[in-house]
Amino acid sequence: MAERSPSPLPCPSYLGGSLARRWEELAPELQKLGTLDALNVDIAGKYILAENEYLKVSALVQESINGGDGDAAGKWIGVQDKLTKQILQLGSELGITPTARRARGLGRR
C-alpha cells in the first residue's frame, strides 16, 4: 500500500506575500522529512521570518560597505551574526541543517 502524503499545513497568518510563497516551498519538504507538524508550525514561520530579515540585513551590510560607512557596516554585521545564529538554531529544530538530519537518522538529501 502506498504511503499517503501528509495534508498540507496552513501557512501562519503572519507570513504574507513572498514569505507565504517561501512557506509553500519549505513546508512540504519539512513534512516529507517528518520534522514539521501542527505543533511546530510557528517554528517554521519564525525560521522564514529570520531568513527574510537576514537577506534584508545582508543588503544593508553591503550598502554600508560600498558607501564607506564602517560604523553602520559594523552594526549591521552584528545584527547579521545574531540572525545567522537564530536561523541555525531554528533550522536545527526543524532538521534543516545537515547535523540535525544526521542526528535524526535522516541521512542525506
PDB file of N, CA and C in Angstrom:
ATOM      1  N   MET A   1       0.837  -1.182   0.000  1.00  0.00           N
ATOM      2  CA  MET A   1       0.000   0.000   0.000  1.00  0.00           C
ATOM      3  C   MET A   1       0.882   1.245   0.000  1.00  0.00           C
ATOM      4  N   ALA A   2       0.577   2.206  -0.855  1.00  0.00           N
ATOM      5  CA  ALA A   2       1.365   3.427  -0.967  1.00  0.00           C
ATOM      6  C   ALA A   2       1.158   4.311   0.252  1.00  0.00           C
ATOM      7  N   GLU A   3       2.255   4.965   0.665  1.00  0.00           N
ATOM      8  CA  GLU A   3       2.184   5.864   1.794  1.00  0.00           C
ATOM      9  C   GLU A   3       1.549   7.178   1.355  1.00  0.00           C
ATOM     10  N   ARG A   4       0.590   7.654   2.134  1.00  0.00           N
ATOM     11  CA  ARG A   4      -0.088   8.907   1.822  1.00  0.00           C
ATOM     12  C   ARG A   4       0.748  10.106   2.239  1.00  0.00           C
ATOM     13  N   SER A   5       0.752  11.134   1.410  1.00  0.00           N
ATOM     14  CA  SER A   5       1.426  12.376   1.782  1.00  0.00           C
ATOM     15  C   SER A   5       0.612  13.061   2.861  1.00  0.00           C
ATOM     16  N   PRO A   6       1.298  13.688   3.816  1.00  0.00           N
ATOM     17  CA  PRO A   6       0.540  14.399   4.849  1.00  0.00           C
ATOM     18  C   PRO A   6      -0.204  15.580   4.238  1.00  0.00           C
ATOM     19  N   SER A   7      -1.310  15.938   4.860  1.00  0.00           N
ATOM     20  CA  SER A   7      -2.073  17.096   4.397  1.00  0.00           C
ATOM     21  C   SER A   7      -1.229  18.349   4.587  1.00  0.00           C
ATOM     22  N   PRO A   8      -1.280  19.257   3.620  1.00  0.00           N
ATOM     23  CA  PRO A   8      -0.504  20.492   3.769  1.00  0.00           C
ATOM     24  C   PRO A   8      -0.933  21.258   5.015  1.00  0.00           C
ATOM     25  N   LEU A   9       0.038  21.802   5.691  1.00  0.00           N
ATOM     26  CA  LEU A   9      -0.254  22.607   6.875  1.00  0.00           C
ATOM     27  C   LEU A   9      -0.487  24.052   6.447  1.00  0.00           C
ATOM     28  N   PRO A  10      -1.423  24.727   7.085  1.00  0.00           N
ATOM     29  CA  PRO A  10      -1.695  26.116   6.698  1.00  0.00           C
ATOM     30  C   PRO A  10      -0.530  27.025   7.065  1.00  0.00           C
ATOM     31  N   CYS A  11      -0.309  27.991   6.220  1.00  0.00           N
ATOM     32  CA  CYS A  11       0.721  28.992   6.440  1.00  0.00           C
ATOM     33  C   CYS A  11       0.325  29.864   7.634  1.00  0.00           C
ATOM     34  N   PRO A  12       1.261  30.160   8.537  1.00  0.00           N
ATOM     35  CA  PRO A  12       0.925  31.071   9.648  1.00  0.00           C
ATOM     36  C   PRO A  12       0.417  32.410   9.107  1.00  0.00           C
ATOM     37  N   SER A  13      -0.545  32.972   9.786  1.00  0.00           N
ATOM     38  CA  SER A  13      -1.194  34.199   9.313  1.00  0.00           C
ATOM     39  C   SER A  13      -0.246  35.385   9.222  1.00  0.00           C
ATOM     40  N   TYR A  14       0.847  35.366   9.957  1.00  0.00           N
ATOM     41  CA  TYR A  14       1.785  36.492   9.921  1.00  0.00           C
ATOM     42  C   TYR A  14       2.761  36.427   8.752  1.00  0.00           C
ATOM     43  N   LEU A  15       2.674  35.390   7.935  1.00  0.00           N
ATOM     44  CA  LEU A  15       3.500  35.297   6.736  1.00  0.00           C
ATOM     45  C   LEU A  15       2.649  35.644   5.526  1.00  0.00           C
ATOM     46  N   GLY A  16       2.995  36.711   4.860  1.00  0.00           N
ATOM     47  CA  GLY A  16       2.254  37.109   3.674  1.00  0.00           C
ATOM     48  C   GLY A  16       3.197  37.273   2.492  1.00  0.00           C
ATOM     49  N   GLY A  17       2.660  37.448   1.327  1.00  0.00           N
ATOM     50  CA  GLY A  17       3.438  37.730   0.125  1.00  0.00           C
ATOM     51  C   GLY A  17       4.534  36.719  -0.137  1.00  0.00           C
ATOM     52  N   SER A  18       5.761  37.217  -0.285  1.00  0.00           N
ATOM     53  CA  SER A  18       6.892  36.334  -0.598  1.00  0.00           C
ATOM     54  C   SER A  18       7.184  35.366   0.542  1.00  0.00           C
ATOM     55  N   LEU A  19       6.845  35.755   1.769  1.00  0.00           N
ATOM     56  CA  LEU A  19       7.065  34.850   2.904  1.00  0.00           C
ATOM     57  C   LEU A  19       6.096  33.666   2.844  1.00  0.00           C
ATOM     58  N   ALA A  20       4.880  33.908   2.421  1.00  0.00           N
ATOM     59  CA  ALA A  20       3.916  32.819   2.244  1.00  0.00           C
ATOM     60  C   ALA A  20       4.366  31.896   1.118  1.00  0.00           C
ATOM     61  N   ARG A  21       4.947  32.470   0.070  1.00  0.00           N
ATOM     62  CA  ARG A  21       5.472  31.635  -1.026  1.00  0.00           C
ATOM     63  C   ARG A  21       6.629  30.770  -0.534  1.00  0.00           C
ATOM     64  N   ARG A  22       7.466  31.349   0.325  1.00  0.00           N
ATOM     65  CA  ARG A  22       8.569  30.569   0.899  1.00  0.00           C
ATOM     66  C   ARG A  22       8.015  29.427   1.744  1.00  0.00           C
ATOM     67  N   TRP A  23       6.934  29.683   2.468  1.00  0.00           N
ATOM     68  CA  TRP A  23       6.267  28.639   3.253  1.00  0.00           C
ATOM     69  C   TRP A  23       5.835  27.496   2.332  1.00  0.00           C
ATOM     70  N   GLU A  24       5.234  27.852   1.215  1.00  0.00           N
ATOM     71  CA  GLU A  24       4.749  26.844   0.271  1.00  0.00           C
ATOM     72  C   GLU A  24       5.890  25.993  -0.288  1.00  0.00           C
ATOM     73  N   GLU A  25       7.086  26.557  -0.371  1.00  0.00           N
ATOM     74  CA  GLU A  25       8.259  25.795  -0.821  1.00  0.00           C
ATOM     75  C   GLU A  25       8.801  24.908   0.293  1.00  0.00           C
ATOM     76  N   LEU A  26       8.936  25.481   1.474  1.00  0.00           N
ATOM     77  CA  LEU A  26       9.633  24.818   2.573  1.00  0.00           C
ATOM     78  C   LEU A  26       8.782  23.804   3.332  1.00  0.00           C
ATOM     79  N   ALA A  27       7.546  24.148   3.623  1.00  0.00           N
ATOM     80  CA  ALA A  27       6.701  23.296   4.470  1.00  0.00           C
ATOM     81  C   ALA A  27       6.559  21.866   3.933  1.00  0.00           C
ATOM     82  N   PRO A  28       6.274  21.673   2.641  1.00  0.00           N
ATOM     83  CA  PRO A  28       6.144  20.292   2.162  1.00  0.00           C
ATOM     84  C   PRO A  28       7.434  19.479   2.321  1.00  0.00           C
ATOM     85  N   GLU A  29       8.578  20.128   2.129  1.00  0.00           N
ATOM     86  CA  GLU A  29       9.855  19.429   2.293  1.00  0.00           C
ATOM     87  C   GLU A  29      10.060  19.006   3.743  1.00  0.00           C
ATOM     88  N   LEU A  30       9.723  19.897   4.657  1.00  0.00           N
ATOM     89  CA  LEU A  30       9.863  19.575   6.079  1.00  0.00           C
ATOM     90  C   LEU A  30       8.878  18.486   6.493  1.00  0.00           C
ATOM     91  N   GLN A  31       7.689  18.515   5.921  1.00  0.00           N
ATOM     92  CA  GLN A  31       6.719  17.457   6.213  1.00  0.00           C
ATOM     93  C   GLN A  31       7.224  16.113   5.707  1.00  0.00           C
ATOM     94  N   LYS A  32       7.843  16.105   4.522  1.00  0.00           N
ATOM     95  CA  LYS A  32       8.402  14.857   3.993  1.00  0.00           C
ATOM     96  C   LYS A  32       9.485  14.305   4.912  1.00  0.00           C
ATOM     97  N   LEU A  33      10.271  15.221   5.497  1.00  0.00           N
ATOM     98  CA  LEU A  33      11.309  14.803   6.446  1.00  0.00           C
ATOM     99  C   LEU A  33      10.712  14.304   7.754  1.00  0.00           C
ATOM    100  N   GLY A  34       9.465  14.699   8.007  1.00  0.00           N
ATOM    101  CA  GLY A  34       8.821  14.330   9.268  1.00  0.00           C
ATOM    102  C   GLY A  34       9.172  15.281  10.397  1.00  0.00           C
ATOM    103  N   THR A  35       9.666  16.475  10.056  1.00  0.00           N
ATOM    104  CA  THR A  35      10.069  17.423  11.094  1.00  0.00           C
ATOM    105  C   THR A  35       9.108  18.597  11.245  1.00  0.00           C
ATOM    106  N   LEU A  36       8.068  18.634  10.452  1.00  0.00           N
ATOM    107  CA  LEU A  36       7.072  19.707  10.567  1.00  0.00           C
ATOM    108  C   LEU A  36       5.698  19.090  10.743  1.00  0.00           C
ATOM    109  N   ASP A  37       5.042  19.520  11.817  1.00  0.00           N
ATOM    110  CA  ASP A  37       3.663  19.115  12.055  1.00  0.00           C
ATOM    111  C   ASP A  37       2.913  20.289  12.667  1.00  0.00           C
ATOM    112  N   ALA A  38       1.670  20.086  13.005  1.00  0.00           N
ATOM    113  CA  ALA A  38       0.834  21.179  13.502  1.00  0.00           C
ATOM    114  C   ALA A  38       1.379  21.795  14.788  1.00  0.00           C
ATOM    115  N   LEU A  39       2.169  21.047  15.540  1.00  0.00           N
ATOM    116  CA  LEU A  39       2.687  21.557  16.810  1.00  0.00           C
ATOM    117  C   LEU A  39       3.872  22.513  16.650  1.00  0.00           C
ATOM    118  N   ASN A  40       4.565  22.446  15.524  1.00  0.00           N
ATOM    119  CA  ASN A  40       5.736  23.308  15.381  1.00  0.00           C
ATOM    120  C   ASN A  40       5.685  24.204  14.137  1.00  0.00           C
ATOM    121  N   VAL A  41       4.492  24.469  13.656  1.00  0.00           N
ATOM    122  CA  VAL A  41       4.312  25.379  12.520  1.00  0.00           C
ATOM    123  C   VAL A  41       4.940  26.740  12.824  1.00  0.00           C
ATOM    124  N   ASP A  42       4.815  27.206  14.062  1.00  0.00           N
ATOM    125  CA  ASP A  42       5.335  28.518  14.415  1.00  0.00           C
ATOM    126  C   ASP A  42       6.866  28.564  14.335  1.00  0.00           C
ATOM    127  N   ILE A  43       7.526  27.457  14.620  1.00  0.00           N
ATOM    128  CA  ILE A  43       8.990  27.419  14.499  1.00  0.00           C
ATOM    129  C   ILE A  43       9.387  27.632  13.040  1.00  0.00           C
ATOM    130  N   ALA A  44       8.696  26.973  12.136  1.00  0.00           N
ATOM    131  CA  ALA A  44       8.989  27.144  10.709  1.00  0.00           C
ATOM    132  C   ALA A  44       8.669  28.571  10.263  1.00  0.00           C
ATOM    133  N   GLY A  45       7.588  29.141  10.784  1.00  0.00           N
ATOM    134  CA  GLY A  45       7.251  30.527  10.460  1.00  0.00           C
ATOM    135  C   GLY A  45       8.336  31.483  10.925  1.00  0.00           C
ATOM    136  N   LYS A  46       8.840  31.262  12.127  1.00  0.00           N
ATOM    137  CA  LYS A  46       9.914  32.116  12.645  1.00  0.00           C
ATOM    138  C   LYS A  46      11.202  31.916  11.851  1.00  0.00           C
ATOM    139  N   TYR A  47      11.450  30.710  11.404  1.00  0.00           N
ATOM    140  CA  TYR A  47      12.616  30.444  10.555  1.00  0.00           C
ATOM    141  C   TYR A  47      12.528  31.286   9.275  1.00  0.00           C
ATOM    142  N   ILE A  48      11.363  31.281   8.663  1.00  0.00           N
ATOM    143  CA  ILE A  48      11.171  32.042   7.423  1.00  0.00           C
ATOM    144  C   ILE A  48      11.312  33.539   7.671  1.00  0.00           C
ATOM    145  N   LEU A  49      10.765  34.030   8.779  1.00  0.00           N
ATOM    146  CA  LEU A  49      10.922  35.451   9.113  1.00  0.00           C
ATOM    147  C   LEU A  49      12.403  35.804   9.307  1.00  0.00           C
ATOM    148  N   ALA A  50      13.128  34.967  10.047  1.00  0.00           N
ATOM    149  CA  ALA A  50      14.545  35.236  10.300  1.00  0.00           C
ATOM    150  C   ALA A  50      15.356  35.183   9.012  1.00  0.00           C
ATOM    151  N   GLU A  51      15.032  34.230   8.157  1.00  0.00           N
ATOM    152  CA  GLU A  51      15.700  34.098   6.862  1.00  0.00           C
ATOM    153  C   GLU A  51      15.495  35.379   6.033  1.00  0.00           C
ATOM    154  N   ASN A  52      14.274  35.881   6.036  1.00  0.00           N
ATOM    155  CA  ASN A  52      13.943  37.101   5.294  1.00  0.00           C
ATOM    156  C   ASN A  52      14.690  38.310   5.866  1.00  0.00           C
ATOM    157  N   GLU A  53      14.716  38.424   7.188  1.00  0.00           N
ATOM    158  CA  GLU A  53      15.427  39.531   7.821  1.00  0.00           C
ATOM    159  C   GLU A  53      16.923  39.453   7.532  1.00  0.00           C
ATOM    160  N   TYR A  54      17.458  38.242   7.514  1.00  0.00           N
ATOM    161  CA  TYR A  54      18.876  38.061   7.195  1.00  0.00           C
ATOM    162  C   TYR A  54      19.197  38.617   5.802  1.00  0.00           C
ATOM    163  N   LEU A  55      18.336  38.329   4.845  1.00  0.00           N
ATOM    164  CA  LEU A  55      18.558  38.829   3.491  1.00  0.00           C
ATOM    165  C   LEU A  55      18.514  40.360   3.443  1.00  0.00           C
ATOM    166  N   LYS A  56      17.577  40.948   4.176  1.00  0.00           N
ATOM    167  CA  LYS A  56      17.485  42.418   4.227  1.00  0.00           C
ATOM    168  C   LYS A  56      18.735  43.020   4.864  1.00  0.00           C
ATOM    169  N   VAL A  57      19.161  42.436   5.978  1.00  0.00           N
ATOM    170  CA  VAL A  57      20.324  42.953   6.689  1.00  0.00           C
ATOM    171  C   VAL A  57      21.591  42.763   5.858  1.00  0.00           C
ATOM    172  N   SER A  58      21.682  41.666   5.139  1.00  0.00           N
ATOM    173  CA  SER A  58      22.843  41.437   4.277  1.00  0.00           C
ATOM    174  C   SER A  58      22.959  42.532   3.224  1.00  0.00           C
ATOM    175  N   ALA A  59      21.837  42.969   2.688  1.00  0.00           N
ATOM    176  CA  ALA A  59      21.842  44.065   1.716  1.00  0.00           C
ATOM    177  C   ALA A  59      22.310  45.361   2.386  1.00  0.00           C
ATOM    178  N   LEU A  60      21.907  45.585   3.639  1.00  0.00           N
ATOM    179  CA  LEU A  60      22.337  46.789   4.359  1.00  0.00           C
ATOM    180  C   LEU A  60      23.829  46.746   4.678  1.00  0.00           C
ATOM    181  N   VAL A  61      24.346  45.566   4.977  1.00  0.00           N
ATOM    182  CA  VAL A  61      25.789  45.409   5.194  1.00  0.00           C
ATOM    183  C   VAL A  61      26.529  45.823   3.933  1.00  0.00           C
ATOM    184  N   GLN A  62      26.113  45.279   2.809  1.00  0.00           N
ATOM    185  CA  GLN A  62      26.772  45.569   1.543  1.00  0.00           C
ATOM    186  C   GLN A  62      26.678  47.052   1.184  1.00  0.00           C
ATOM    187  N   GLU A  63      25.502  47.609   1.408  1.00  0.00           N
ATOM    188  CA  GLU A  63      25.282  49.037   1.138  1.00  0.00           C
ATOM    189  C   GLU A  63      26.215  49.900   1.987  1.00  0.00           C
ATOM    190  N   SER A  64      26.346  49.552   3.266  1.00  0.00           N
ATOM    191  CA  SER A  64      27.211  50.298   4.177  1.00  0.00           C
ATOM    192  C   SER A  64      28.672  50.182   3.769  1.00  0.00           C
ATOM    193  N   ILE A  65      29.084  48.990   3.403  1.00  0.00           N
ATOM    194  CA  ILE A  65      30.469  48.780   2.967  1.00  0.00           C
ATOM    195  C   ILE A  65      30.745  49.574   1.698  1.00  0.00           C
ATOM    196  N   ASN A  66      29.842  49.456   0.734  1.00  0.00           N
ATOM    197  CA  ASN A  66      30.016  50.178  -0.533  1.00  0.00           C
ATOM    198  C   ASN A  66      30.021  51.690  -0.339  1.00  0.00           C
ATOM    199  N   GLY A  67      29.268  52.155   0.651  1.00  0.00           N
ATOM    200  CA  GLY A  67      29.191  53.584   0.932  1.00  0.00           C
ATOM    201  C   GLY A  67      30.319  54.077   1.836  1.00  0.00           C
ATOM    202  N   GLY A  68      31.177  53.164   2.261  1.00  0.00           N
ATOM    203  CA  GLY A  68      32.304  53.550   3.105  1.00  0.00           C
ATOM    204  C   GLY A  68      31.928  53.871   4.538  1.00  0.00           C
ATOM    205  N   ASP A  69      30.770  53.427   4.980  1.00  0.00           N
ATOM    206  CA  ASP A  69      30.310  53.694   6.347  1.00  0.00           C
ATOM    207  C   ASP A  69      30.626  52.491   7.231  1.00  0.00           C
ATOM    208  N   GLY A  70      31.854  52.498   7.768  1.00  0.00           N
ATOM    209  CA  GLY A  70      32.309  51.378   8.588  1.00  0.00           C
ATOM    210  C   GLY A  70      31.497  51.185   9.858  1.00  0.00           C
ATOM    211  N   ASP A  71      31.057  52.277  10.479  1.00  0.00           N
ATOM    212  CA  ASP A  71      30.266  52.168  11.709  1.00  0.00           C
ATOM    213  C   ASP A  71      28.940  51.449  11.448  1.00  0.00           C
ATOM    214  N   ALA A  72      28.258  51.872  10.385  1.00  0.00           N
ATOM    215  CA  ALA A  72      26.981  51.236  10.036  1.00  0.00           C
ATOM    216  C   ALA A  72      27.207  49.785   9.640  1.00  0.00           C
ATOM    217  N   ALA A  73      28.269  49.528   8.872  1.00  0.00           N
ATOM    218  CA  ALA A  73      28.570  48.153   8.456  1.00  0.00           C
ATOM    219  C   ALA A  73      28.790  47.274   9.682  1.00  0.00           C
ATOM    220  N   GLY A  74      29.536  47.785  10.654  1.00  0.00           N
ATOM    221  CA  GLY A  74      29.783  47.024  11.883  1.00  0.00           C
ATOM    222  C   GLY A  74      28.500  46.714  12.626  1.00  0.00           C
ATOM    223  N   LYS A  75      27.618  47.697  12.703  1.00  0.00           N
ATOM    224  CA  LYS A  75      26.319  47.494  13.373  1.00  0.00           C
ATOM    225  C   LYS A  75      25.515  46.410  12.655  1.00  0.00           C
ATOM    226  N   TRP A  76      25.442  46.520  11.334  1.00  0.00           N
ATOM    227  CA  TRP A  76      24.641  45.558  10.570  1.00  0.00           C
ATOM    228  C   TRP A  76      25.268  44.164  10.579  1.00  0.00           C
ATOM    229  N   ILE A  77      26.584  44.094  10.617  1.00  0.00           N
ATOM    230  CA  ILE A  77      27.243  42.785  10.702  1.00  0.00           C
ATOM    231  C   ILE A  77      26.901  42.113  12.031  1.00  0.00           C
ATOM    232  N   GLY A  78      26.807  42.896  13.106  1.00  0.00           N
ATOM    233  CA  GLY A  78      26.385  42.347  14.402  1.00  0.00           C
ATOM    234  C   GLY A  78      24.969  41.783  14.342  1.00  0.00           C
ATOM    235  N   VAL A  79      24.078  42.516  13.698  1.00  0.00           N
ATOM    236  CA  VAL A  79      22.692  42.047  13.528  1.00  0.00           C
ATOM    237  C   VAL A  79      22.681  40.784  12.660  1.00  0.00           C
ATOM    238  N   GLN A  80      23.481  40.810  11.604  1.00  0.00           N
ATOM    239  CA  GLN A  80      23.572  39.660  10.699  1.00  0.00           C
ATOM    240  C   GLN A  80      24.034  38.420  11.459  1.00  0.00           C
ATOM    241  N   ASP A  81      25.008  38.588  12.335  1.00  0.00           N
ATOM    242  CA  ASP A  81      25.516  37.472  13.128  1.00  0.00           C
ATOM    243  C   ASP A  81      24.424  36.890  14.028  1.00  0.00           C
ATOM    244  N   LYS A  82      23.664  37.757  14.687  1.00  0.00           N
ATOM    245  CA  LYS A  82      22.570  37.288  15.549  1.00  0.00           C
ATOM    246  C   LYS A  82      21.518  36.532  14.739  1.00  0.00           C
ATOM    247  N   LEU A  83      21.198  37.039  13.561  1.00  0.00           N
ATOM    248  CA  LEU A  83      20.213  36.365  12.706  1.00  0.00           C
ATOM    249  C   LEU A  83      20.738  35.019  12.218  1.00  0.00           C
ATOM    250  N   THR A  84      22.033  34.959  11.913  1.00  0.00           N
ATOM    251  CA  THR A  84      22.626  33.685  11.493  1.00  0.00           C
ATOM    252  C   THR A  84      22.453  32.644  12.592  1.00  0.00           C
ATOM    253  N   LYS A  85      22.738  33.027  13.814  1.00  0.00           N
ATOM    254  CA  LYS A  85      22.593  32.097  14.948  1.00  0.00           C
ATOM    255  C   LYS A  85      21.139  31.670  15.124  1.00  0.00           C
ATOM    256  N   GLN A  86      20.238  32.615  14.980  1.00  0.00           N
ATOM    257  CA  GLN A  86      18.810  32.306  15.114  1.00  0.00           C
ATOM    258  C   GLN A  86      18.365  31.338  14.017  1.00  0.00           C
ATOM    259  N   ILE A  87      18.794  31.584  12.793  1.00  0.00           N
ATOM    260  CA  ILE A  87      18.432  30.722  11.667  1.00  0.00           C
ATOM    261  C   ILE A  87      18.971  29.317  11.888  1.00  0.00           C
ATOM    262  N   LEU A  88      20.226  29.223  12.320  1.00  0.00           N
ATOM    263  CA  LEU A  88      20.816  27.900  12.555  1.00  0.00           C
ATOM    264  C   LEU A  88      20.091  27.163  13.678  1.00  0.00           C
ATOM    265  N   GLN A  89      19.722  27.869  14.747  1.00  0.00           N
ATOM    266  CA  GLN A  89      19.008  27.226  15.857  1.00  0.00           C
ATOM    267  C   GLN A  89      17.623  26.743  15.416  1.00  0.00           C
ATOM    268  N   LEU A  90      16.879  27.620  14.754  1.00  0.00           N
ATOM    269  CA  LEU A  90      15.551  27.227  14.275  1.00  0.00           C
ATOM    270  C   LEU A  90      15.661  26.118  13.226  1.00  0.00           C
ATOM    271  N   GLY A  91      16.644  26.243  12.337  1.00  0.00           N
ATOM    272  CA  GLY A  91      16.863  25.221  11.317  1.00  0.00           C
ATOM    273  C   GLY A  91      17.195  23.880  11.931  1.00  0.00           C
ATOM    274  N   SER A  92      17.952  23.901  13.005  1.00  0.00           N
ATOM    275  CA  SER A  92      18.282  22.662  13.704  1.00  0.00           C
ATOM    276  C   SER A  92      17.024  22.020  14.293  1.00  0.00           C
ATOM    277  N   GLU A  93      16.166  22.848  14.869  1.00  0.00           N
ATOM    278  CA  GLU A  93      14.897  22.338  15.424  1.00  0.00           C
ATOM    279  C   GLU A  93      14.047  21.665  14.349  1.00  0.00           C
ATOM    280  N   LEU A  94      14.161  22.155  13.128  1.00  0.00           N
ATOM    281  CA  LEU A  94      13.345  21.641  12.025  1.00  0.00           C
ATOM    282  C   LEU A  94      14.051  20.577  11.186  1.00  0.00           C
ATOM    283  N   GLY A  95      15.289  20.251  11.535  1.00  0.00           N
ATOM    284  CA  GLY A  95      16.014  19.251  10.762  1.00  0.00           C
ATOM    285  C   GLY A  95      16.515  19.778   9.427  1.00  0.00           C
ATOM    286  N   ILE A  96      16.705  21.090   9.324  1.00  0.00           N
ATOM    287  CA  ILE A  96      17.163  21.687   8.072  1.00  0.00           C
ATOM    288  C   ILE A  96      18.675  21.539   7.918  1.00  0.00           C
ATOM    289  N   THR A  97      19.395  21.645   9.025  1.00  0.00           N
ATOM    290  CA  THR A  97      20.854  21.567   8.942  1.00  0.00           C
ATOM    291  C   THR A  97      21.301  20.117   8.767  1.00  0.00           C
ATOM    292  N   PRO A  98      22.428  19.918   8.089  1.00  0.00           N
ATOM    293  CA  PRO A  98      22.937  18.540   7.913  1.00  0.00           C
ATOM    294  C   PRO A  98      23.163  17.821   9.241  1.00  0.00           C
ATOM    295  N   THR A  99      23.681  18.540  10.232  1.00  0.00           N
ATOM    296  CA  THR A  99      23.930  17.927  11.539  1.00  0.00           C
ATOM    297  C   THR A  99      22.624  17.465  12.178  1.00  0.00           C
ATOM    298  N   ALA A 100      21.586  18.282  12.079  1.00  0.00           N
ATOM    299  CA  ALA A 100      20.288  17.912  12.660  1.00  0.00           C
ATOM    300  C   ALA A 100      19.692  16.710  11.940  1.00  0.00           C
ATOM    301  N   ARG A 101      19.860  16.643  10.618  1.00  0.00           N
ATOM    302  CA  ARG A 101      19.332  15.491   9.873  1.00  0.00           C
ATOM    303  C   ARG A 101      20.074  14.216  10.266  1.00  0.00           C
ATOM    304  N   ARG A 102      21.388  14.308  10.390  1.00  0.00           N
ATOM    305  CA  ARG A 102      22.165  13.129  10.806  1.00  0.00           C
ATOM    306  C   ARG A 102      21.736  12.677  12.192  1.00  0.00           C
ATOM    307  N   ALA A 103      21.547  13.634  13.104  1.00  0.00           N
ATOM    308  CA  ALA A 103      21.141  13.299  14.470  1.00  0.00           C
ATOM    309  C   ALA A 103      19.786  12.605  14.501  1.00  0.00           C
ATOM    310  N   ARG A 104      18.940  12.917  13.532  1.00  0.00           N
ATOM    311  CA  ARG A 104      17.611  12.291  13.462  1.00  0.00           C
ATOM    312  C   ARG A 104      17.643  11.015  12.606  1.00  0.00           C
ATOM    313  N   GLY A 105      18.808  10.684  12.076  1.00  0.00           N
ATOM    314  CA  GLY A 105      18.921   9.500  11.223  1.00  0.00           C
ATOM    315  C   GLY A 105      18.269   9.679   9.876  1.00  0.00           C
ATOM    316  N   LEU A 106      18.193  10.930   9.411  1.00  0.00           N
ATOM    317  CA  LEU A 106      17.517  11.195   8.146  1.00  0.00           C
ATOM    318  C   LEU A 106      18.455  11.118   6.948  1.00  0.00           C
ATOM    319  N   GLY A 107      19.744  11.048   7.186  1.00  0.00           N
ATOM    320  CA  GLY A 107      20.692  10.886   6.084  1.00  0.00           C
ATOM    321  C   GLY A 107      20.773  12.100   5.193  1.00  0.00           C
ATOM    322  N   ARG A 108      21.255  11.870   4.004  1.00  0.00           N
ATOM    323  CA  ARG A 108      21.455  12.954   3.027  1.00  0.00           C
ATOM    324  C   ARG A 108      20.198  13.245   2.247  1.00  0.00           C
ATOM    325  N   ARG A 109      20.095  14.512   1.814  1.00  0.00           N
ATOM    326  CA  ARG A 109      19.002  14.937   0.925  1.00  0.00           C
ATOM    327  C   ARG A 109      19.587  15.294  -0.397  1.00  0.00           C
TER     328      ARG A 109
END
